[in-house]
Amino acid sequence: MSENEEKIIKVNELNPNFKYEIQAQPGGENITRCFACGTCSAACPVREVNEKYNPRKIIRMALLGMKERVLSSDFIWLCSSCYTCYERCPQDVRITELMNAMKNIAVKEGYIHPSFVAQMEALNSHGRLYEMGEFDNKKRVKVGLPPIEETAEDTKKLFKQEGVDKLIEFKEGG
């Protein structure tokens, strides 16, 4: 999407019920209290590093009903959960919890951030986030720790039981 296309808002793409969908999620109850004062953006450490993350803008987009744009973007996943915005918000919007509510909706709608997909693939393949190879196990034994065997069967059963396997298509051999 070009920069000009990002600035164009098509009325037929807006979902006026999106804010209510967010309100129905735990943590999203106070979204309509936001009056865009900017306190959240001014205090945000992530905003200092990455201009894409702007809590005030994200909330505004959600209130306008820009559901597709909000859920499919990377910026809702950038919140570091530091609670600085939460503590300073004069309207008690609870932005950190609000971002989690939007993330939950995004996952339900099939938008899963690539970092979480990679974590699920590692868990599905190794039963843990970090692959324990022969080298690592030799180091463990050297310092008196037992070797760790990689077994992903329990994780695969859990993924199947909870439907994670349907959300994320695992690579062959995983």
N, C-alpha and C. Protein backbone atom coordinates (compact mmCIF):
# COMPACT_ATOMS: atom_id res chain seq x y z
N MET A 1 0.85 -1.17 0.00
CA MET A 1 0.00 0.00 0.00
C MET A 1 0.89 1.24 0.00
N SER A 2 0.63 2.15 -0.92
CA SER A 2 1.43 3.36 -0.99
C SER A 2 1.03 4.32 0.13
N GLU A 3 1.87 5.34 0.31
CA GLU A 3 1.62 6.31 1.38
C GLU A 3 0.30 7.04 1.17
N ASN A 4 -0.01 7.39 -0.08
CA ASN A 4 -1.26 8.09 -0.38
C ASN A 4 -2.47 7.20 -0.12
N GLU A 5 -2.34 5.89 -0.45
CA GLU A 5 -3.44 4.96 -0.23
C GLU A 5 -3.72 4.80 1.26
N GLU A 6 -2.67 4.87 2.09
CA GLU A 6 -2.85 4.75 3.53
C GLU A 6 -3.63 5.92 4.09
N LYS A 7 -3.55 7.07 3.47
CA LYS A 7 -4.22 8.27 3.95
C LYS A 7 -5.68 8.33 3.53
N ILE A 8 -6.06 7.56 2.53
CA ILE A 8 -7.43 7.58 2.04
C ILE A 8 -8.28 6.62 2.88
N ILE A 9 -9.38 7.16 3.41
CA ILE A 9 -10.32 6.35 4.18
C ILE A 9 -11.57 6.17 3.34
N LYS A 10 -11.88 4.94 2.99
CA LYS A 10 -13.08 4.65 2.21
C LYS A 10 -14.22 4.34 3.17
N VAL A 11 -15.29 5.07 3.06
CA VAL A 11 -16.41 4.94 3.98
C VAL A 11 -16.99 3.53 3.96
N ASN A 12 -17.01 2.89 2.80
CA ASN A 12 -17.58 1.55 2.73
C ASN A 12 -16.71 0.49 3.41
N GLU A 13 -15.48 0.85 3.78
CA GLU A 13 -14.60 -0.08 4.49
C GLU A 13 -14.66 0.10 6.01
N LEU A 14 -15.40 1.10 6.47
CA LEU A 14 -15.49 1.36 7.90
C LEU A 14 -16.53 0.43 8.54
N ASN A 15 -16.23 0.01 9.76
CA ASN A 15 -17.13 -0.83 10.52
C ASN A 15 -17.52 -0.07 11.80
N PRO A 16 -18.69 0.58 11.80
CA PRO A 16 -19.06 1.41 12.94
C PRO A 16 -19.24 0.62 14.24
N ASN A 17 -19.35 -0.69 14.16
CA ASN A 17 -19.52 -1.52 15.35
C ASN A 17 -18.20 -2.02 15.93
N PHE A 18 -17.09 -1.69 15.29
CA PHE A 18 -15.78 -2.17 15.75
C PHE A 18 -15.49 -1.75 17.18
N LYS A 19 -15.80 -0.50 17.52
CA LYS A 19 -15.54 -0.03 18.90
C LYS A 19 -16.34 -0.83 19.92
N TYR A 20 -17.54 -1.26 19.54
CA TYR A 20 -18.36 -2.06 20.45
C TYR A 20 -17.82 -3.49 20.58
N GLU A 21 -17.27 -3.98 19.48
CA GLU A 21 -16.62 -5.29 19.51
C GLU A 21 -15.42 -5.26 20.45
N ILE A 22 -14.67 -4.17 20.41
CA ILE A 22 -13.53 -4.00 21.32
C ILE A 22 -14.03 -3.87 22.75
N GLN A 23 -15.09 -3.09 22.96
CA GLN A 23 -15.65 -2.91 24.30
C GLN A 23 -16.11 -4.23 24.92
N ALA A 24 -16.54 -5.15 24.10
CA ALA A 24 -17.03 -6.45 24.60
C ALA A 24 -15.89 -7.36 25.05
N GLN A 25 -14.66 -7.02 24.67
CA GLN A 25 -13.49 -7.81 25.06
C GLN A 25 -12.98 -7.36 26.43
N PRO A 26 -12.51 -8.30 27.25
CA PRO A 26 -11.88 -7.87 28.52
C PRO A 26 -10.70 -6.94 28.23
N GLY A 27 -10.72 -5.78 28.86
CA GLY A 27 -9.67 -4.78 28.66
C GLY A 27 -10.06 -3.68 27.69
N GLY A 28 -11.08 -3.90 26.90
CA GLY A 28 -11.48 -2.91 25.91
C GLY A 28 -12.65 -2.04 26.32
N GLU A 29 -13.12 -2.23 27.54
CA GLU A 29 -14.34 -1.57 28.01
C GLU A 29 -14.31 -0.05 27.92
N ASN A 30 -13.15 0.56 28.11
CA ASN A 30 -13.08 2.02 28.20
C ASN A 30 -12.63 2.73 26.93
N ILE A 31 -12.66 2.06 25.80
CA ILE A 31 -12.16 2.67 24.56
C ILE A 31 -12.90 3.96 24.20
N THR A 32 -14.19 4.02 24.44
CA THR A 32 -14.94 5.21 24.04
C THR A 32 -14.72 6.40 24.97
N ARG A 33 -14.00 6.20 26.05
CA ARG A 33 -13.66 7.31 26.96
C ARG A 33 -12.54 8.20 26.39
N CYS A 34 -11.77 7.66 25.45
CA CYS A 34 -10.62 8.38 24.91
C CYS A 34 -11.07 9.64 24.17
N PHE A 35 -10.49 10.77 24.54
CA PHE A 35 -10.77 12.01 23.80
C PHE A 35 -9.52 12.54 23.11
N ALA A 36 -8.56 11.65 22.86
CA ALA A 36 -7.36 11.94 22.07
C ALA A 36 -6.52 13.07 22.63
N CYS A 37 -6.29 13.06 23.94
CA CYS A 37 -5.48 14.11 24.56
C CYS A 37 -4.00 13.97 24.23
N GLY A 38 -3.56 12.77 23.92
CA GLY A 38 -2.17 12.54 23.54
C GLY A 38 -1.24 12.20 24.68
N THR A 39 -1.74 12.12 25.90
CA THR A 39 -0.90 11.78 27.04
C THR A 39 -0.26 10.41 26.84
N CYS A 40 -1.00 9.48 26.30
CA CYS A 40 -0.48 8.12 26.09
C CYS A 40 0.68 8.12 25.10
N SER A 41 0.56 8.86 24.04
CA SER A 41 1.61 8.90 23.02
C SER A 41 2.84 9.65 23.51
N ALA A 42 2.63 10.68 24.30
CA ALA A 42 3.76 11.49 24.80
C ALA A 42 4.62 10.70 25.77
N ALA A 43 4.04 9.78 26.51
CA ALA A 43 4.77 9.04 27.53
C ALA A 43 5.27 7.68 27.05
N CYS A 44 4.90 7.27 25.88
CA CYS A 44 5.17 5.91 25.41
C CYS A 44 6.64 5.71 24.98
N PRO A 45 7.35 4.76 25.62
CA PRO A 45 8.74 4.51 25.23
C PRO A 45 8.86 3.85 23.85
N VAL A 46 7.86 3.07 23.46
CA VAL A 46 7.89 2.44 22.13
C VAL A 46 7.73 3.51 21.07
N ARG A 47 6.90 4.47 21.31
CA ARG A 47 6.68 5.59 20.37
C ARG A 47 7.97 6.35 20.13
N GLU A 48 8.81 6.46 21.14
CA GLU A 48 10.10 7.13 20.99
C GLU A 48 10.99 6.43 19.98
N VAL A 49 10.86 5.11 19.90
CA VAL A 49 11.73 4.31 19.04
C VAL A 49 11.10 4.05 17.68
N ASN A 50 9.78 3.89 17.66
CA ASN A 50 9.10 3.51 16.43
C ASN A 50 7.87 4.41 16.21
N GLU A 51 7.92 5.23 15.19
CA GLU A 51 6.85 6.17 14.88
C GLU A 51 5.53 5.47 14.52
N LYS A 52 5.62 4.20 14.08
CA LYS A 52 4.41 3.47 13.71
C LYS A 52 3.47 3.27 14.90
N TYR A 53 4.07 3.16 16.08
CA TYR A 53 3.24 2.91 17.26
C TYR A 53 2.82 4.23 17.88
N ASN A 54 1.55 4.53 17.76
CA ASN A 54 0.99 5.75 18.31
C ASN A 54 -0.37 5.38 18.92
N PRO A 55 -0.42 5.15 20.24
CA PRO A 55 -1.67 4.71 20.86
C PRO A 55 -2.87 5.61 20.53
N ARG A 56 -2.65 6.91 20.53
CA ARG A 56 -3.75 7.84 20.24
C ARG A 56 -4.30 7.59 18.84
N LYS A 57 -3.42 7.42 17.88
CA LYS A 57 -3.84 7.19 16.49
C LYS A 57 -4.55 5.83 16.35
N ILE A 58 -4.02 4.82 17.03
CA ILE A 58 -4.63 3.48 16.96
C ILE A 58 -6.04 3.51 17.53
N ILE A 59 -6.20 4.17 18.66
CA ILE A 59 -7.53 4.27 19.28
C ILE A 59 -8.48 5.05 18.37
N ARG A 60 -7.99 6.12 17.79
CA ARG A 60 -8.81 6.92 16.86
C ARG A 60 -9.26 6.08 15.67
N MET A 61 -8.35 5.31 15.11
CA MET A 61 -8.69 4.44 13.98
C MET A 61 -9.75 3.42 14.39
N ALA A 62 -9.60 2.86 15.59
CA ALA A 62 -10.57 1.89 16.09
C ALA A 62 -11.94 2.53 16.28
N LEU A 63 -11.96 3.74 16.85
CA LEU A 63 -13.23 4.44 17.07
C LEU A 63 -13.91 4.80 15.75
N LEU A 64 -13.11 5.10 14.74
CA LEU A 64 -13.67 5.41 13.42
C LEU A 64 -14.21 4.17 12.71
N GLY A 65 -13.79 2.99 13.17
CA GLY A 65 -14.26 1.75 12.55
C GLY A 65 -13.33 1.18 11.51
N MET A 66 -12.07 1.55 11.57
CA MET A 66 -11.10 1.08 10.59
C MET A 66 -10.58 -0.31 11.01
N LYS A 67 -11.50 -1.23 11.15
CA LYS A 67 -11.21 -2.56 11.69
C LYS A 67 -10.13 -3.30 10.91
N GLU A 68 -10.30 -3.39 9.62
CA GLU A 68 -9.34 -4.13 8.78
C GLU A 68 -7.93 -3.56 8.90
N ARG A 69 -7.82 -2.24 8.85
CA ARG A 69 -6.52 -1.60 8.94
C ARG A 69 -5.86 -1.80 10.30
N VAL A 70 -6.65 -1.71 11.36
CA VAL A 70 -6.11 -1.87 12.71
C VAL A 70 -5.66 -3.31 12.94
N LEU A 71 -6.52 -4.27 12.62
CA LEU A 71 -6.22 -5.67 12.92
C LEU A 71 -5.12 -6.25 12.04
N SER A 72 -5.01 -5.78 10.82
CA SER A 72 -4.01 -6.34 9.91
C SER A 72 -2.64 -5.66 10.02
N SER A 73 -2.56 -4.62 10.83
CA SER A 73 -1.31 -3.88 10.94
C SER A 73 -0.37 -4.50 11.96
N ASP A 74 0.89 -4.11 11.88
CA ASP A 74 1.88 -4.55 12.86
C ASP A 74 1.83 -3.72 14.13
N PHE A 75 1.30 -2.51 14.06
CA PHE A 75 1.47 -1.60 15.19
C PHE A 75 0.76 -2.02 16.47
N ILE A 76 -0.34 -2.77 16.41
CA ILE A 76 -0.97 -3.17 17.67
C ILE A 76 -0.10 -4.16 18.45
N TRP A 77 0.81 -4.82 17.75
CA TRP A 77 1.67 -5.81 18.39
C TRP A 77 2.92 -5.19 19.02
N LEU A 78 3.12 -3.89 18.84
CA LEU A 78 4.34 -3.24 19.33
C LEU A 78 4.27 -2.80 20.79
N CYS A 79 3.11 -2.80 21.39
CA CYS A 79 2.98 -2.36 22.78
C CYS A 79 3.86 -3.22 23.68
N SER A 80 4.68 -2.57 24.50
CA SER A 80 5.61 -3.30 25.37
C SER A 80 5.01 -3.61 26.73
N SER A 81 3.77 -3.22 26.95
CA SER A 81 3.07 -3.45 28.23
C SER A 81 3.81 -2.85 29.41
N CYS A 82 4.32 -1.65 29.21
CA CYS A 82 5.05 -0.97 30.29
C CYS A 82 4.11 -0.25 31.26
N TYR A 83 2.86 -0.05 30.84
CA TYR A 83 1.82 0.60 31.64
C TYR A 83 2.04 2.09 31.90
N THR A 84 2.99 2.71 31.21
CA THR A 84 3.19 4.16 31.37
C THR A 84 1.95 4.92 30.91
N CYS A 85 1.41 4.54 29.77
CA CYS A 85 0.21 5.21 29.24
C CYS A 85 -0.98 4.96 30.16
N TYR A 86 -1.08 3.76 30.64
CA TYR A 86 -2.17 3.35 31.54
C TYR A 86 -2.19 4.23 32.78
N GLU A 87 -1.02 4.44 33.37
CA GLU A 87 -0.90 5.21 34.60
C GLU A 87 -1.20 6.70 34.40
N ARG A 88 -0.94 7.20 33.20
CA ARG A 88 -1.07 8.64 32.96
C ARG A 88 -2.37 9.05 32.29
N CYS A 89 -3.14 8.11 31.80
CA CYS A 89 -4.36 8.45 31.06
C CYS A 89 -5.39 9.09 31.99
N PRO A 90 -5.81 10.32 31.69
CA PRO A 90 -6.79 11.00 32.55
C PRO A 90 -8.20 10.41 32.46
N GLN A 91 -8.46 9.63 31.44
CA GLN A 91 -9.79 9.05 31.24
C GLN A 91 -9.85 7.57 31.61
N ASP A 92 -8.75 7.02 32.15
CA ASP A 92 -8.70 5.61 32.55
C ASP A 92 -9.04 4.66 31.40
N VAL A 93 -8.45 4.94 30.24
CA VAL A 93 -8.71 4.12 29.06
C VAL A 93 -8.02 2.75 29.17
N ARG A 94 -6.96 2.64 29.94
CA ARG A 94 -6.23 1.38 30.13
C ARG A 94 -5.71 0.84 28.80
N ILE A 95 -4.87 1.63 28.19
CA ILE A 95 -4.39 1.38 26.83
C ILE A 95 -3.68 0.04 26.68
N THR A 96 -2.89 -0.35 27.65
CA THR A 96 -2.19 -1.64 27.56
C THR A 96 -3.19 -2.78 27.44
N GLU A 97 -4.23 -2.76 28.27
CA GLU A 97 -5.26 -3.78 28.19
C GLU A 97 -6.07 -3.67 26.90
N LEU A 98 -6.25 -2.44 26.44
CA LEU A 98 -6.96 -2.19 25.19
C LEU A 98 -6.20 -2.81 24.01
N MET A 99 -4.88 -2.65 24.00
CA MET A 99 -4.07 -3.26 22.93
C MET A 99 -4.19 -4.78 22.97
N ASN A 100 -4.21 -5.35 24.18
CA ASN A 100 -4.39 -6.80 24.30
C ASN A 100 -5.76 -7.23 23.77
N ALA A 101 -6.78 -6.45 24.03
CA ALA A 101 -8.12 -6.75 23.52
C ALA A 101 -8.11 -6.75 21.99
N MET A 102 -7.43 -5.76 21.39
CA MET A 102 -7.35 -5.69 19.93
C MET A 102 -6.54 -6.86 19.37
N LYS A 103 -5.49 -7.24 20.07
CA LYS A 103 -4.69 -8.41 19.65
C LYS A 103 -5.55 -9.67 19.68
N ASN A 104 -6.36 -9.81 20.71
CA ASN A 104 -7.24 -10.98 20.81
C ASN A 104 -8.23 -11.04 19.66
N ILE A 105 -8.79 -9.89 19.32
CA ILE A 105 -9.71 -9.83 18.17
C ILE A 105 -8.96 -10.17 16.89
N ALA A 106 -7.75 -9.63 16.76
CA ALA A 106 -6.95 -9.89 15.56
C ALA A 106 -6.71 -11.39 15.38
N VAL A 107 -6.36 -12.07 16.46
CA VAL A 107 -6.11 -13.51 16.38
C VAL A 107 -7.39 -14.25 16.00
N LYS A 108 -8.52 -13.87 16.59
CA LYS A 108 -9.80 -14.51 16.26
C LYS A 108 -10.15 -14.31 14.79
N GLU A 109 -9.73 -13.17 14.24
CA GLU A 109 -10.00 -12.85 12.83
C GLU A 109 -8.95 -13.45 11.89
N GLY A 110 -7.94 -14.11 12.46
CA GLY A 110 -6.92 -14.77 11.64
C GLY A 110 -5.67 -13.94 11.38
N TYR A 111 -5.53 -12.81 12.06
CA TYR A 111 -4.33 -11.98 11.91
C TYR A 111 -3.39 -12.30 13.07
N ILE A 112 -2.37 -13.07 12.79
CA ILE A 112 -1.43 -13.45 13.83
C ILE A 112 -0.05 -12.91 13.44
N HIS A 113 0.57 -12.20 14.36
CA HIS A 113 1.87 -11.59 14.08
C HIS A 113 2.90 -12.68 13.80
N PRO A 114 3.79 -12.45 12.83
CA PRO A 114 4.81 -13.44 12.46
C PRO A 114 5.68 -13.91 13.63
N SER A 115 5.91 -13.06 14.62
CA SER A 115 6.74 -13.49 15.76
C SER A 115 6.03 -14.59 16.56
N PHE A 116 4.72 -14.51 16.67
CA PHE A 116 3.97 -15.55 17.39
C PHE A 116 3.89 -16.82 16.57
N VAL A 117 3.78 -16.67 15.25
CA VAL A 117 3.79 -17.85 14.38
C VAL A 117 5.12 -18.59 14.53
N ALA A 118 6.23 -17.86 14.56
CA ALA A 118 7.54 -18.47 14.73
C ALA A 118 7.65 -19.18 16.08
N GLN A 119 7.10 -18.58 17.13
CA GLN A 119 7.12 -19.21 18.44
C GLN A 119 6.30 -20.50 18.44
N MET A 120 5.13 -20.47 17.82
CA MET A 120 4.29 -21.67 17.75
C MET A 120 4.96 -22.77 16.93
N GLU A 121 5.65 -22.38 15.86
CA GLU A 121 6.37 -23.37 15.05
C GLU A 121 7.49 -24.03 15.87
N ALA A 122 8.20 -23.23 16.66
CA ALA A 122 9.26 -23.78 17.52
C ALA A 122 8.67 -24.72 18.56
N LEU A 123 7.59 -24.33 19.18
CA LEU A 123 6.94 -25.19 20.17
C LEU A 123 6.43 -26.47 19.53
N ASN A 124 5.88 -26.35 18.33
CA ASN A 124 5.37 -27.52 17.63
C ASN A 124 6.49 -28.48 17.23
N SER A 125 7.65 -27.94 16.89
CA SER A 125 8.77 -28.76 16.44
C SER A 125 9.59 -29.35 17.59
N HIS A 126 9.81 -28.53 18.63
CA HIS A 126 10.75 -28.93 19.68
C HIS A 126 10.12 -29.10 21.05
N GLY A 127 8.88 -28.69 21.21
CA GLY A 127 8.25 -28.75 22.51
C GLY A 127 8.69 -27.62 23.42
N ARG A 128 9.48 -26.71 22.91
CA ARG A 128 9.98 -25.55 23.65
C ARG A 128 10.35 -24.47 22.65
N LEU A 129 10.55 -23.26 23.15
CA LEU A 129 10.88 -22.14 22.26
C LEU A 129 12.31 -22.18 21.76
N TYR A 130 13.17 -22.84 22.51
CA TYR A 130 14.59 -22.90 22.15
C TYR A 130 14.96 -24.34 21.87
N GLU A 131 15.52 -24.58 20.70
CA GLU A 131 15.93 -25.93 20.33
C GLU A 131 17.14 -26.35 21.18
N MET A 132 17.03 -27.49 21.80
CA MET A 132 18.14 -28.02 22.60
C MET A 132 18.89 -29.06 21.77
N GLY A 133 20.02 -28.65 21.26
CA GLY A 133 20.82 -29.54 20.44
C GLY A 133 21.83 -30.32 21.26
N GLU A 134 22.60 -31.11 20.56
CA GLU A 134 23.62 -31.94 21.21
C GLU A 134 24.65 -31.07 21.93
N PHE A 135 25.06 -29.99 21.30
CA PHE A 135 26.05 -29.09 21.89
C PHE A 135 25.56 -28.53 23.23
N ASP A 136 24.30 -28.06 23.25
CA ASP A 136 23.73 -27.51 24.48
C ASP A 136 23.63 -28.56 25.58
N ASN A 137 23.25 -29.75 25.20
CA ASN A 137 23.14 -30.82 26.20
C ASN A 137 24.51 -31.23 26.75
N LYS A 138 25.53 -31.20 25.92
CA LYS A 138 26.88 -31.50 26.41
C LYS A 138 27.32 -30.45 27.43
N LYS A 139 27.01 -29.19 27.16
CA LYS A 139 27.33 -28.12 28.11
C LYS A 139 26.58 -28.32 29.42
N ARG A 140 25.34 -28.72 29.35
CA ARG A 140 24.54 -28.97 30.55
C ARG A 140 25.15 -30.09 31.39
N VAL A 141 25.51 -31.18 30.72
CA VAL A 141 26.10 -32.33 31.43
C VAL A 141 27.42 -31.93 32.09
N LYS A 142 28.19 -31.10 31.39
CA LYS A 142 29.48 -30.65 31.91
C LYS A 142 29.35 -29.91 33.24
N VAL A 143 28.27 -29.16 33.41
CA VAL A 143 28.07 -28.41 34.65
C VAL A 143 27.16 -29.13 35.64
N GLY A 144 26.88 -30.40 35.35
CA GLY A 144 26.13 -31.23 36.29
C GLY A 144 24.62 -31.19 36.13
N LEU A 145 24.14 -30.68 35.02
CA LEU A 145 22.70 -30.65 34.77
C LEU A 145 22.30 -31.82 33.87
N PRO A 146 21.10 -32.32 34.01
CA PRO A 146 20.67 -33.43 33.14
C PRO A 146 20.41 -32.94 31.73
N PRO A 147 20.63 -33.78 30.74
CA PRO A 147 20.32 -33.39 29.35
C PRO A 147 18.80 -33.24 29.18
N ILE A 148 18.43 -32.42 28.24
CA ILE A 148 17.01 -32.20 27.95
C ILE A 148 16.68 -32.87 26.63
N GLU A 149 15.67 -33.73 26.68
CA GLU A 149 15.22 -34.39 25.46
C GLU A 149 14.08 -33.57 24.86
N GLU A 150 14.13 -33.43 23.56
CA GLU A 150 13.08 -32.70 22.88
C GLU A 150 11.93 -33.63 22.53
N THR A 151 10.79 -33.35 23.12
CA THR A 151 9.58 -34.09 22.80
C THR A 151 8.46 -33.09 22.61
N ALA A 152 7.90 -33.09 21.45
CA ALA A 152 6.84 -32.12 21.14
C ALA A 152 5.46 -32.76 21.11
N GLU A 153 5.38 -34.04 21.46
CA GLU A 153 4.09 -34.73 21.37
C GLU A 153 3.02 -34.10 22.26
N ASP A 154 3.37 -33.78 23.51
CA ASP A 154 2.39 -33.15 24.41
C ASP A 154 1.96 -31.78 23.88
N THR A 155 2.91 -31.04 23.35
CA THR A 155 2.60 -29.72 22.80
C THR A 155 1.68 -29.85 21.60
N LYS A 156 1.96 -30.81 20.73
CA LYS A 156 1.10 -31.03 19.56
C LYS A 156 -0.32 -31.41 19.97
N LYS A 157 -0.44 -32.25 21.00
CA LYS A 157 -1.78 -32.63 21.50
C LYS A 157 -2.51 -31.40 22.03
N LEU A 158 -1.80 -30.58 22.78
CA LEU A 158 -2.39 -29.36 23.33
C LEU A 158 -2.82 -28.40 22.22
N PHE A 159 -1.96 -28.23 21.21
CA PHE A 159 -2.30 -27.36 20.08
C PHE A 159 -3.56 -27.86 19.38
N LYS A 160 -3.65 -29.17 19.20
CA LYS A 160 -4.82 -29.74 18.53
C LYS A 160 -6.07 -29.55 19.38
N GLN A 161 -5.95 -29.81 20.68
CA GLN A 161 -7.08 -29.67 21.61
C GLN A 161 -7.60 -28.24 21.66
N GLU A 162 -6.69 -27.26 21.63
CA GLU A 162 -7.08 -25.85 21.75
C GLU A 162 -7.32 -25.17 20.40
N GLY A 163 -7.10 -25.88 19.30
CA GLY A 163 -7.35 -25.32 17.98
C GLY A 163 -6.23 -24.47 17.42
N VAL A 164 -5.08 -24.46 18.09
CA VAL A 164 -3.95 -23.66 17.60
C VAL A 164 -3.46 -24.20 16.27
N ASP A 165 -3.55 -25.52 16.10
CA ASP A 165 -3.09 -26.12 14.86
C ASP A 165 -3.89 -25.63 13.65
N LYS A 166 -5.12 -25.21 13.87
CA LYS A 166 -5.95 -24.67 12.78
C LYS A 166 -5.64 -23.21 12.51
N LEU A 167 -5.21 -22.48 13.54
CA LEU A 167 -4.85 -21.08 13.37
C LEU A 167 -3.55 -20.89 12.61
N ILE A 168 -2.62 -21.80 12.89
CA ILE A 168 -1.28 -21.67 12.32
C ILE A 168 -0.97 -22.92 11.52
N GLU A 169 -0.66 -22.72 10.25
CA GLU A 169 -0.27 -23.84 9.41
C GLU A 169 1.22 -24.08 9.63
N PHE A 170 1.53 -25.24 10.22
CA PHE A 170 2.92 -25.55 10.50
C PHE A 170 3.61 -26.07 9.24
N LYS A 171 4.89 -25.75 9.16
CA LYS A 171 5.69 -26.21 8.04
C LYS A 171 5.81 -27.73 8.09
N GLU A 172 6.00 -28.35 6.94
CA GLU A 172 6.18 -29.79 6.88
C GLU A 172 7.35 -30.22 7.76
N GLY A 173 7.15 -31.32 8.45
CA GLY A 173 8.21 -31.83 9.32
C GLY A 173 8.10 -31.28 10.72
N GLY A 174 7.17 -30.32 10.96
CA GLY A 174 6.99 -29.73 12.28
C GLY A 174 6.03 -30.48 13.13
